[in-house]
Protein backbone atom coordinates (compact mmCIF):
# COMPACT_ATOMS: atom_id res chain seq x y z
CA MET A 1 0.00 0.00 0.00
CA THR A 2 1.10 3.52 -0.66
CA PRO A 3 1.85 5.97 2.17
CA ALA A 4 -1.18 8.00 1.07
CA GLU A 5 -3.45 4.95 1.41
CA LEU A 6 -2.06 4.20 4.86
CA THR A 7 -2.67 7.81 5.90
CA LEU A 8 -6.22 7.62 4.58
CA ILE A 9 -6.89 4.43 6.55
CA ASP A 10 -5.55 6.16 9.69
CA THR A 11 -7.81 9.15 8.98
CA LEU A 12 -10.88 6.97 8.42
CA THR A 13 -10.16 5.10 11.65
CA ALA A 14 -9.67 8.29 13.65
CA PHE A 15 -12.96 9.76 12.45
CA PHE A 16 -14.82 6.45 12.86
CA CYS A 17 -13.69 6.40 16.52
CA ARG A 18 -13.98 10.14 17.19
CA GLU A 19 -15.25 11.57 20.45
CA GLY A 20 -19.01 11.75 20.75
CA TYR A 21 -19.68 8.88 18.37
CA PRO A 22 -20.67 5.28 19.24
CA LYS A 23 -17.20 3.77 18.69
CA HIS A 24 -15.16 6.42 20.53
CA LYS A 25 -14.54 4.15 23.54
CA ASP A 26 -13.38 1.23 21.37
CA ASP A 27 -9.74 0.46 20.70
CA PRO A 28 -9.02 2.18 17.35
CA ALA A 29 -6.51 -0.55 16.47
CA VAL A 30 -9.38 -3.05 16.20
CA HIS A 31 -11.32 -0.81 13.83
CA ARG A 32 -8.21 -0.02 11.82
CA ILE A 33 -7.91 -3.73 11.00
CA HIS A 34 -11.37 -3.98 9.50
CA ILE A 35 -11.16 -0.60 7.74
CA ASP A 36 -7.83 -1.68 6.23
CA TRP A 37 -9.37 -4.96 5.02
CA GLU A 38 -12.39 -3.16 3.61
CA TRP A 39 -10.13 -0.70 1.78
CA ARG A 40 -8.10 -3.53 0.27
CA SER A 41 -11.28 -5.36 -0.80
CA GLY A 42 -12.11 -2.52 -3.19
CA GLN A 43 -15.73 -2.74 -2.08
CA TRP A 44 -16.19 0.89 -1.14
CA VAL A 45 -17.24 4.28 -2.41
CA MET A 46 -15.87 7.69 -1.46
CA LEU A 47 -16.91 11.30 -1.84
CA THR A 48 -14.56 14.26 -1.98
CA ASP A 49 -15.12 17.95 -2.50
CA LYS A 50 -14.43 18.69 -6.17
CA GLU A 51 -12.79 22.04 -5.46
CA SER A 52 -10.63 21.25 -2.43
CA ASN A 53 -10.32 17.46 -2.91
CA ARG A 54 -11.15 17.22 0.81
CA LEU A 55 -12.64 13.92 2.00
CA LEU A 56 -16.37 14.12 2.71
CA GLY A 57 -17.24 10.49 3.33
CA TRP A 58 -16.43 6.85 2.76
CA LEU A 59 -18.67 3.78 2.79
CA SER A 60 -17.58 0.16 2.53
CA PHE A 61 -19.88 -2.74 1.77
CA TYR A 62 -19.99 -6.51 1.67
CA LEU A 63 -21.61 -8.55 -1.10
CA VAL A 64 -23.40 -11.36 0.71
CA ASP A 65 -25.84 -14.17 0.05
CA GLU A 66 -29.19 -14.61 1.82
CA GLU A 67 -27.72 -16.79 4.60
CA THR A 68 -24.93 -14.34 5.45
CA LEU A 69 -27.34 -11.41 5.38
CA ALA A 70 -29.46 -13.28 7.95
CA LEU A 71 -26.34 -13.67 10.15
CA PHE A 72 -25.90 -9.90 10.15
CA GLU A 73 -29.55 -9.42 11.06
CA SER A 74 -29.37 -11.86 13.97
CA GLY A 75 -25.91 -10.82 15.15
CA GLU A 76 -24.66 -14.39 14.78
CA TYR A 77 -21.85 -13.26 12.46
CA GLU A 78 -19.92 -12.27 15.59
CA ASP A 79 -19.83 -15.96 16.60
CA TYR A 80 -18.31 -16.80 13.23
CA VAL A 81 -15.66 -14.13 13.64
CA ARG A 82 -14.78 -15.30 17.18
CA GLU A 83 -14.54 -18.92 16.02
CA GLY A 84 -12.42 -17.99 13.01
CA GLU A 85 -15.02 -19.32 10.56
CA LEU A 86 -14.99 -17.70 7.16
CA LEU A 87 -17.86 -15.62 5.88
CA ASN A 88 -18.21 -14.96 2.18
CA LEU A 89 -18.27 -11.16 1.99
CA ILE A 90 -17.37 -10.70 -1.66
CA ASN A 91 -19.85 -12.86 -3.60
CA GLY A 92 -23.55 -12.35 -3.23
CA ASP A 93 -26.54 -10.50 -4.54
CA HIS A 94 -27.19 -8.45 -1.41
CA VAL A 95 -25.21 -5.33 -0.47
CA TYR A 96 -24.57 -4.95 3.26
CA VAL A 97 -23.15 -1.60 4.38
CA ALA A 98 -20.15 -2.44 6.56
CA THR A 99 -18.58 0.85 7.62
CA THR A 100 -19.49 4.46 7.00
CA VAL A 101 -17.45 7.52 7.88
CA VAL A 102 -18.94 10.96 7.23
CA MET A 103 -16.68 13.88 8.02
CA PRO A 104 -17.99 16.58 10.35
CA TRP A 105 -17.55 19.22 7.61
CA ALA A 106 -19.49 17.20 5.02
CA PRO A 107 -22.67 18.76 3.69
CA GLU A 108 -26.08 17.45 4.62
CA GLY A 109 -27.04 14.46 2.50
CA THR A 110 -23.53 12.98 2.31
CA TYR A 111 -24.57 9.65 3.86
CA ARG A 112 -27.50 9.37 1.44
CA ARG A 113 -25.18 10.07 -1.51
CA LEU A 114 -22.72 7.39 -0.34
CA PHE A 115 -25.62 4.93 0.07
CA ASP A 116 -26.81 5.72 -3.48
CA LEU A 117 -23.27 5.33 -4.87
CA ALA A 118 -23.04 1.86 -3.31
CA ILE A 119 -26.23 0.98 -5.17
CA ASP A 120 -24.88 2.45 -8.41
CA VAL A 121 -21.73 0.29 -8.33
CA ASN A 122 -23.75 -2.87 -7.60
CA PRO A 123 -26.51 -2.89 -10.25
CA GLN A 124 -26.83 -6.68 -9.97
CA ALA A 125 -27.83 -6.54 -6.29
CA LYS A 126 -31.35 -7.32 -5.08
CA ASN A 127 -31.19 -4.96 -2.11
CA ILE A 128 -28.98 -2.87 0.13
CA THR A 129 -29.07 -3.17 3.91
CA ALA A 130 -27.51 -1.07 6.64
CA ASP A 131 -27.68 -1.26 10.41
CA LEU A 132 -27.45 2.39 11.38
CA LEU A 133 -25.95 3.11 14.79
CA ASN A 134 -26.73 6.58 16.07
CA ARG A 135 -24.65 8.57 18.54
CA LYS A 136 -26.68 7.21 21.46
CA GLY A 137 -25.91 3.62 20.43
CA LYS A 138 -29.39 2.79 19.11
CA VAL A 139 -29.47 0.58 16.00
CA ARG A 140 -31.99 1.00 13.20
CA ARG A 141 -32.09 -1.34 10.20
CA VAL A 142 -32.61 0.15 6.75
CA GLN A 143 -33.20 -2.05 3.72
CA ARG A 144 -33.99 -0.87 0.22
CA THR A 145 -34.93 -3.11 -2.69
CA ILE A 146 -32.83 -2.44 -5.78
CA ASN A 147 -34.01 -5.02 -8.33
């Protein structure tokens, strides 16, 4: 990886774990591992400001089958991770939003634009699903049918 990519991964991790957000008490090193993997997977979209080239947001996604999507819904995927069992996160007809980082200076609607970009780059997908975690730690599931 290039030094610029490593710096970007550090930046994404820092903002993902920033003060006042749900993951701010977590060990950033743990989140850096998954953000690094998601970056390397190439399964992500990013928005930058056209004039300043400043990062506005980044969203990574998994391509999963029906069974794996159900594991994310039930929370059972964590058991697979703990046991070292492999999950297929790159071949499937469902898009699952893995990680989203929206910068504090990003304009309103940045998350929605990232969500729409993930749909655009996966025209074969049946749906897109995200488990949104707000600042208070409450989770809300969003699922949109694509095809």
